[in-house]
Each structure stands twice: as structure tokens, then as C-alpha cells.
PDB file of N, CA and C in Angstrom:
ATOM      1  N   MET A   1    -229.979  97.326-101.829  1.00  0.00           N
ATOM      2  CA  MET A   1    -230.231  97.391-103.251  1.00  0.00           C
ATOM      3  C   MET A   1    -231.007  96.158-103.690  1.00  0.00           C
ATOM      4  N   GLU A   2    -230.754  95.037-103.041  1.00  0.00           N
ATOM      5  CA  GLU A   2    -231.491  93.819-103.364  1.00  0.00           C
ATOM      6  C   GLU A   2    -232.990  94.018-103.117  1.00  0.00           C
ATOM      7  N   GLN A   3    -233.352  94.680-102.031  1.00  0.00           N
ATOM      8  CA  GLN A   3    -234.765  94.937-101.739  1.00  0.00           C
ATOM      9  C   GLN A   3    -235.396  95.839-102.799  1.00  0.00           C
ATOM     10  N   VAL A   4    -234.656  96.809-103.261  1.00  0.00           N
ATOM     11  CA  VAL A   4    -235.162  97.714-104.304  1.00  0.00           C
ATOM     12  C   VAL A   4    -235.436  96.930-105.582  1.00  0.00           C
ATOM     13  N   LEU A   5    -234.481  96.119-105.991  1.00  0.00           N
ATOM     14  CA  LEU A   5    -234.665  95.339-107.217  1.00  0.00           C
ATOM     15  C   LEU A   5    -235.813  94.345-107.082  1.00  0.00           C
ATOM     16  N   GLN A   6    -235.987  93.773-105.907  1.00  0.00           N
ATOM     17  CA  GLN A   6    -237.118  92.871-105.691  1.00  0.00           C
ATOM     18  C   GLN A   6    -238.445  93.632-105.743  1.00  0.00           C
ATOM     19  N   ALA A   7    -238.460  94.843-105.223  1.00  0.00           N
ATOM     20  CA  ALA A   7    -239.693  95.639-105.240  1.00  0.00           C
ATOM     21  C   ALA A   7    -240.127  95.966-106.668  1.00  0.00           C
ATOM     22  N   PHE A   8    -239.164  96.126-107.560  1.00  0.00           N
ATOM     23  CA  PHE A   8    -239.471  96.446-108.959  1.00  0.00           C
ATOM     24  C   PHE A   8    -239.402  95.218-109.861  1.00  0.00           C
ATOM     25  N   ALA A   9    -239.404  94.035-109.306  1.00  0.00           N
ATOM     26  CA  ALA A   9    -239.213  92.810-110.084  1.00  0.00           C
ATOM     27  C   ALA A   9    -240.247  92.649-111.201  1.00  0.00           C
ATOM     28  N   ASP A  10    -241.469  93.101-110.976  1.00  0.00           N
ATOM     29  CA  ASP A  10    -242.510  92.918-111.993  1.00  0.00           C
ATOM     30  C   ASP A  10    -242.400  93.917-113.146  1.00  0.00           C
ATOM     31  N   CYS A  11    -241.546  94.940-113.003  1.00  0.00           N
ATOM     32  CA  CYS A  11    -241.394  95.940-114.075  1.00  0.00           C
ATOM     33  C   CYS A  11    -239.936  96.378-114.190  1.00  0.00           C
ATOM     34  N   ILE A  12    -239.012  95.441-114.040  1.00  0.00           N
ATOM     35  CA  ILE A  12    -237.590  95.759-113.970  1.00  0.00           C
ATOM     36  C   ILE A  12    -236.981  96.194-115.307  1.00  0.00           C
ATOM     37  N   SER A  13    -237.632  95.936-116.412  1.00  0.00           N
ATOM     38  CA  SER A  13    -237.062  96.285-117.715  1.00  0.00           C
ATOM     39  C   SER A  13    -236.925  97.805-117.854  1.00  0.00           C
ATOM     40  N   PRO A  14    -235.973  98.268-118.663  1.00  0.00           N
ATOM     41  CA  PRO A  14    -235.728  99.707-118.794  1.00  0.00           C
ATOM     42  C   PRO A  14    -236.844 100.471-119.507  1.00  0.00           C
ATOM     43  N   GLU A  15    -237.795  99.779-120.080  1.00  0.00           N
ATOM     44  CA  GLU A  15    -238.908 100.461-120.760  1.00  0.00           C
ATOM     45  C   GLU A  15    -239.806 101.212-119.779  1.00  0.00           C
ATOM     46  N   THR A  16    -239.808 100.794-118.517  1.00  0.00           N
ATOM     47  CA  THR A  16    -240.652 101.413-117.500  1.00  0.00           C
ATOM     48  C   THR A  16    -239.785 102.189-116.517  1.00  0.00           C
ATOM     49  N   PRO A  17    -239.842 103.539-116.527  1.00  0.00           N
ATOM     50  CA  PRO A  17    -239.086 104.298-115.535  1.00  0.00           C
ATOM     51  C   PRO A  17    -239.623 104.034-114.127  1.00  0.00           C
ATOM     52  N   LYS A  18    -238.713 103.969-113.172  1.00  0.00           N
ATOM     53  CA  LYS A  18    -239.077 103.722-111.782  1.00  0.00           C
ATOM     54  C   LYS A  18    -238.514 104.845-110.917  1.00  0.00           C
ATOM     55  N   TYR A  19    -239.195 105.145-109.812  1.00  0.00           N
ATOM     56  CA  TYR A  19    -238.792 106.244-108.942  1.00  0.00           C
ATOM     57  C   TYR A  19    -238.648 105.755-107.509  1.00  0.00           C
ATOM     58  N   LEU A  20    -237.490 105.989-106.916  1.00  0.00           N
ATOM     59  CA  LEU A  20    -237.244 105.675-105.515  1.00  0.00           C
ATOM     60  C   LEU A  20    -237.332 106.959-104.712  1.00  0.00           C
ATOM     61  N   CYS A  21    -238.150 106.968-103.695  1.00  0.00           N
ATOM     62  CA  CYS A  21    -238.308 108.152-102.857  1.00  0.00           C
ATOM     63  C   CYS A  21    -237.558 107.953-101.543  1.00  0.00           C
ATOM     64  N   ALA A  22    -236.608 108.845-101.292  1.00  0.00           N
ATOM     65  CA  ALA A  22    -235.834 108.798-100.052  1.00  0.00           C
ATOM     66  C   ALA A  22    -236.448 109.773 -99.043  1.00  0.00           C
ATOM     67  N   PRO A  23    -236.557 109.363 -97.776  1.00  0.00           N
ATOM     68  CA  PRO A  23    -237.171 110.230 -96.779  1.00  0.00           C
ATOM     69  C   PRO A  23    -236.267 111.372 -96.313  1.00  0.00           C
ATOM     70  N   CYS A  24    -234.951 111.254 -96.492  1.00  0.00           N
ATOM     71  CA  CYS A  24    -234.058 112.322 -96.022  1.00  0.00           C
ATOM     72  C   CYS A  24    -232.866 112.454 -96.976  1.00  0.00           C
ATOM     73  N   SER A  25    -232.087 113.500 -96.778  1.00  0.00           N
ATOM     74  CA  SER A  25    -230.970 113.740 -97.686  1.00  0.00           C
ATOM     75  C   SER A  25    -229.870 112.690 -97.544  1.00  0.00           C
ATOM     76  N   ASN A  26    -229.684 112.133 -96.357  1.00  0.00           N
ATOM     77  CA  ASN A  26    -228.681 111.074 -96.197  1.00  0.00           C
ATOM     78  C   ASN A  26    -229.071 109.838 -97.005  1.00  0.00           C
ATOM     79  N   CYS A  27    -230.332 109.458 -96.922  1.00  0.00           N
ATOM     80  CA  CYS A  27    -230.819 108.306 -97.690  1.00  0.00           C
ATOM     81  C   CYS A  27    -230.719 108.588 -99.183  1.00  0.00           C
ATOM     82  N   LYS A  28    -231.045 109.808 -99.563  1.00  0.00           N
ATOM     83  CA  LYS A  28    -230.986 110.198-100.975  1.00  0.00           C
ATOM     84  C   LYS A  28    -229.556 110.061-101.502  1.00  0.00           C
ATOM     85  N   GLY A  29    -228.584 110.481-100.708  1.00  0.00           N
ATOM     86  CA  GLY A  29    -227.183 110.345-101.108  1.00  0.00           C
ATOM     87  C   GLY A  29    -226.766 108.894-101.247  1.00  0.00           C
ATOM     88  N   GLN A  30    -227.221 108.059-100.336  1.00  0.00           N
ATOM     89  CA  GLN A  30    -226.904 106.626-100.412  1.00  0.00           C
ATOM     90  C   GLN A  30    -227.515 106.009-101.668  1.00  0.00           C
ATOM     91  N   LEU A  31    -228.770 106.353-101.950  1.00  0.00           N
ATOM     92  CA  LEU A  31    -229.421 105.830-103.159  1.00  0.00           C
ATOM     93  C   LEU A  31    -228.680 106.296-104.407  1.00  0.00           C
ATOM     94  N   ARG A  32    -228.309 107.571-104.444  1.00  0.00           N
ATOM     95  CA  ARG A  32    -227.572 108.105-105.590  1.00  0.00           C
ATOM     96  C   ARG A  32    -226.312 107.296-105.835  1.00  0.00           C
ATOM     97  N   ASP A  33    -225.547 107.051-104.763  1.00  0.00           N
ATOM     98  CA  ASP A  33    -224.290 106.325-104.898  1.00  0.00           C
ATOM     99  C   ASP A  33    -224.508 104.879-105.355  1.00  0.00           C
ATOM    100  N   MET A  34    -225.500 104.211-104.780  1.00  0.00           N
ATOM    101  CA  MET A  34    -225.762 102.819-105.169  1.00  0.00           C
ATOM    102  C   MET A  34    -226.266 102.721-106.605  1.00  0.00           C
ATOM    103  N   LEU A  35    -227.172 103.614-106.995  1.00  0.00           N
ATOM    104  CA  LEU A  35    -227.686 103.581-108.362  1.00  0.00           C
ATOM    105  C   LEU A  35    -226.570 103.842-109.367  1.00  0.00           C
ATOM    106  N   ALA A  36    -225.671 104.762-109.033  1.00  0.00           N
ATOM    107  CA  ALA A  36    -224.542 105.047-109.919  1.00  0.00           C
ATOM    108  C   ALA A  36    -223.578 103.867-109.970  1.00  0.00           C
ATOM    109  N   TYR A  37    -223.277 103.278-108.821  1.00  0.00           N
ATOM    110  CA  TYR A  37    -222.333 102.166-108.760  1.00  0.00           C
ATOM    111  C   TYR A  37    -222.801 100.982-109.599  1.00  0.00           C
ATOM    112  N   TYR A  38    -224.078 100.663-109.499  1.00  0.00           N
ATOM    113  CA  TYR A  38    -224.626  99.528-110.236  1.00  0.00           C
ATOM    114  C   TYR A  38    -225.187  99.919-111.603  1.00  0.00           C
ATOM    115  N   ASP A  39    -225.062 101.181-111.980  1.00  0.00           N
ATOM    116  CA  ASP A  39    -225.529 101.697-113.276  1.00  0.00           C
ATOM    117  C   ASP A  39    -227.003 101.367-113.516  1.00  0.00           C
ATOM    118  N   LEU A  40    -227.814 101.578-112.494  1.00  0.00           N
ATOM    119  CA  LEU A  40    -229.215 101.160-112.566  1.00  0.00           C
ATOM    120  C   LEU A  40    -230.101 102.120-113.336  1.00  0.00           C
ATOM    121  N   TRP A  41    -229.620 103.331-113.613  1.00  0.00           N
ATOM    122  CA  TRP A  41    -230.414 104.192-114.494  1.00  0.00           C
ATOM    123  C   TRP A  41    -230.357 103.646-115.914  1.00  0.00           C
ATOM    124  N   GLU A  42    -229.197 103.351-116.388  1.00  0.00           N
ATOM    125  CA  GLU A  42    -229.047 102.818-117.749  1.00  0.00           C
ATOM    126  C   GLU A  42    -229.631 101.417-117.880  1.00  0.00           C
ATOM    127  N   ARG A  43    -229.399 100.577-116.906  1.00  0.00           N
ATOM    128  CA  ARG A  43    -229.821  99.175-117.005  1.00  0.00           C
ATOM    129  C   ARG A  43    -231.312  98.980-116.752  1.00  0.00           C
ATOM    130  N   ASN A  44    -231.876  99.741-115.794  1.00  0.00           N
ATOM    131  CA  ASN A  44    -233.257  99.483-115.375  1.00  0.00           C
ATOM    132  C   ASN A  44    -234.129 100.729-115.281  1.00  0.00           C
ATOM    133  N   ARG A  45    -233.593 101.898-115.602  1.00  0.00           N
ATOM    134  CA  ARG A  45    -234.326 103.171-115.519  1.00  0.00           C
ATOM    135  C   ARG A  45    -234.890 103.410-114.117  1.00  0.00           C
ATOM    136  N   ILE A  46    -234.033 103.233-113.107  1.00  0.00           N
ATOM    137  CA  ILE A  46    -234.423 103.533-111.732  1.00  0.00           C
ATOM    138  C   ILE A  46    -233.841 104.900-111.376  1.00  0.00           C
ATOM    139  N   LEU A  47    -234.712 105.833-111.060  1.00  0.00           N
ATOM    140  CA  LEU A  47    -234.340 107.189-110.695  1.00  0.00           C
ATOM    141  C   LEU A  47    -234.618 107.382-109.216  1.00  0.00           C
ATOM    142  N   TYR A  48    -233.903 108.264-108.569  1.00  0.00           N
ATOM    143  CA  TYR A  48    -234.118 108.510-107.144  1.00  0.00           C
ATOM    144  C   TYR A  48    -234.487 109.970-106.925  1.00  0.00           C
ATOM    145  N   GLY A  49    -235.067 110.231-105.823  1.00  0.00           N
ATOM    146  CA  GLY A  49    -235.391 111.593-105.415  1.00  0.00           C
ATOM    147  C   GLY A  49    -235.793 111.562-103.961  1.00  0.00           C
ATOM    148  N   GLY A  50    -236.199 112.703-103.469  1.00  0.00           N
ATOM    149  CA  GLY A  50    -236.571 112.793-102.071  1.00  0.00           C
ATOM    150  C   GLY A  50    -238.041 113.078-101.883  1.00  0.00           C
ATOM    151  N   LEU A  51    -238.458 112.963-100.664  1.00  0.00           N
ATOM    152  CA  LEU A  51    -239.836 113.253-100.302  1.00  0.00           C
ATOM    153  C   LEU A  51    -240.170 114.704-100.624  1.00  0.00           C
ATOM    154  N   VAL A  52    -239.214 115.593-100.441  1.00  0.00           N
ATOM    155  CA  VAL A  52    -239.432 117.009-100.734  1.00  0.00           C
ATOM    156  C   VAL A  52    -239.783 117.214-102.206  1.00  0.00           C
ATOM    157  N   GLU A  53    -239.085 116.530-103.102  1.00  0.00           N
ATOM    158  CA  GLU A  53    -239.383 116.667-104.534  1.00  0.00           C
ATOM    159  C   GLU A  53    -240.806 116.223-104.851  1.00  0.00           C
ATOM    160  N   LEU A  54    -241.256 115.153-104.212  1.00  0.00           N
ATOM    161  CA  LEU A  54    -242.622 114.691-104.440  1.00  0.00           C
ATOM    162  C   LEU A  54    -243.647 115.704-103.947  1.00  0.00           C
ATOM    163  N   VAL A  55    -243.396 116.286-102.792  1.00  0.00           N
ATOM    164  CA  VAL A  55    -244.316 117.286-102.247  1.00  0.00           C
ATOM    165  C   VAL A  55    -244.370 118.509-103.162  1.00  0.00           C
ATOM    166  N   VAL A  56    -243.200 119.022-103.570  1.00  0.00           N
ATOM    167  CA  VAL A  56    -243.166 120.188-104.450  1.00  0.00           C
ATOM    168  C   VAL A  56    -243.820 119.869-105.786  1.00  0.00           C
ATOM    169  N   ASN A  57    -243.591 118.676-106.295  1.00  0.00           N
ATOM    170  CA  ASN A  57    -244.184 118.282-107.577  1.00  0.00           C
ATOM    171  C   ASN A  57    -245.711 118.221-107.490  1.00  0.00           C
ATOM    172  N   ALA A  58    -246.227 117.939-106.299  1.00  0.00           N
ATOM    173  CA  ALA A  58    -247.683 117.852-106.128  1.00  0.00           C
ATOM    174  C   ALA A  58    -248.338 119.223-105.989  1.00  0.00           C
ATOM    175  N   MET A  59    -247.562 120.260-105.764  1.00  0.00           N
ATOM    176  CA  MET A  59    -248.128 121.608-105.635  1.00  0.00           C
ATOM    177  C   MET A  59    -248.627 122.078-106.992  1.00  0.00           C
ATOM    178  N   THR A  60    -249.854 122.510-107.041  1.00  0.00           N
ATOM    179  CA  THR A  60    -250.464 122.874-108.319  1.00  0.00           C
ATOM    180  C   THR A  60    -249.895 124.147-108.922  1.00  0.00           C
ATOM    181  N   ASP A  61    -249.304 125.008-108.108  1.00  0.00           N
ATOM    182  CA  ASP A  61    -248.782 126.264-108.649  1.00  0.00           C
ATOM    183  C   ASP A  61    -247.327 126.167-109.119  1.00  0.00           C
ATOM    184  N   VAL A  62    -246.707 125.010-109.007  1.00  0.00           N
ATOM    185  CA  VAL A  62    -245.336 124.813-109.488  1.00  0.00           C
ATOM    186  C   VAL A  62    -245.415 124.294-110.920  1.00  0.00           C
ATOM    187  N   LYS A  63    -245.024 125.146-111.861  1.00  0.00           N
ATOM    188  CA  LYS A  63    -245.060 124.781-113.281  1.00  0.00           C
ATOM    189  C   LYS A  63    -243.680 124.973-113.876  1.00  0.00           C
ATOM    190  N   PRO A  64    -243.141 124.063-114.619  1.00  0.00           N
ATOM    191  CA  PRO A  64    -243.586 122.685-114.775  1.00  0.00           C
ATOM    192  C   PRO A  64    -243.267 121.893-113.514  1.00  0.00           C
ATOM    193  N   GLY A  65    -243.617 120.642-113.511  1.00  0.00           N
ATOM    194  CA  GLY A  65    -243.356 119.796-112.349  1.00  0.00           C
ATOM    195  C   GLY A  65    -241.876 119.749-112.009  1.00  0.00           C
ATOM    196  N   PHE A  66    -241.558 119.438-110.790  1.00  0.00           N
ATOM    197  CA  PHE A  66    -240.191 119.465-110.292  1.00  0.00           C
ATOM    198  C   PHE A  66    -239.395 118.209-110.658  1.00  0.00           C
ATOM    199  N   ILE A  67    -240.044 117.067-110.743  1.00  0.00           N
ATOM    200  CA  ILE A  67    -239.322 115.822-111.029  1.00  0.00           C
ATOM    201  C   ILE A  67    -238.968 115.758-112.501  1.00  0.00           C
ATOM    202  N   GLU A  68    -237.697 115.547-112.767  1.00  0.00           N
ATOM    203  CA  GLU A  68    -237.215 115.378-114.135  1.00  0.00           C
ATOM    204  C   GLU A  68    -236.800 113.930-114.307  1.00  0.00           C
ATOM    205  N   TRP A  69    -237.284 113.301-115.352  1.00  0.00           N
ATOM    206  CA  TRP A  69    -237.003 111.889-115.582  1.00  0.00           C
ATOM    207  C   TRP A  69    -235.727 111.702-116.377  1.00  0.00           C
ATOM    208  N   GLU A  70    -234.616 112.121-115.792  1.00  0.00           N
ATOM    209  CA  GLU A  70    -233.323 111.881-116.419  1.00  0.00           C
ATOM    210  C   GLU A  70    -232.271 111.783-115.334  1.00  0.00           C
ATOM    211  N   TRP A  71    -231.231 111.052-115.629  1.00  0.00           N
ATOM    212  CA  TRP A  71    -230.148 110.851-114.676  1.00  0.00           C
ATOM    213  C   TRP A  71    -229.208 112.048-114.722  1.00  0.00           C
ATOM    214  N   ARG A  72    -228.777 112.528-113.577  1.00  0.00           N
ATOM    215  CA  ARG A  72    -227.811 113.641-113.518  1.00  0.00           C
ATOM    216  C   ARG A  72    -226.590 113.214-112.755  1.00  0.00           C
TER     217      ARG A  72
END
């Protein structure tokens, strides 16, 4: 989590939404748990998702986009 916060150090304020992309479902679950534990959606607007969501979101025939900018 320290590496994530350092990566977003230049835009850590909650005014700028941030997206963490996990390469697999295990990583995605770990990110979900850490973000929830440290309340990083509320504090810093850091959202997580997977590589699959990014690929689907890039498909032009998927309307609307798949990524939702809200914490669930």
C-alpha cells in the first residue's frame, strides 16, 4: 500500500480520482481489502479494478463504459 500511495503522491488529494489496475482476481481481492481497510476511497479517491475491466471498457461496442467511478 505504501508503494501505491507513493505512486499517486503528486495527485493524492481526493479531488482527483485514481484507478489501480490489478492483473488477476487474487490481486484485485487484495487491493479491495487494503483500500477498504485504510478507507482510501473516501480519503484519497483510489478505486481498484482489473485488467479485464480496462479491456472491456476499451471496446467500442460496449455502451456505456464498464468502469464505474464509485466505491462498492
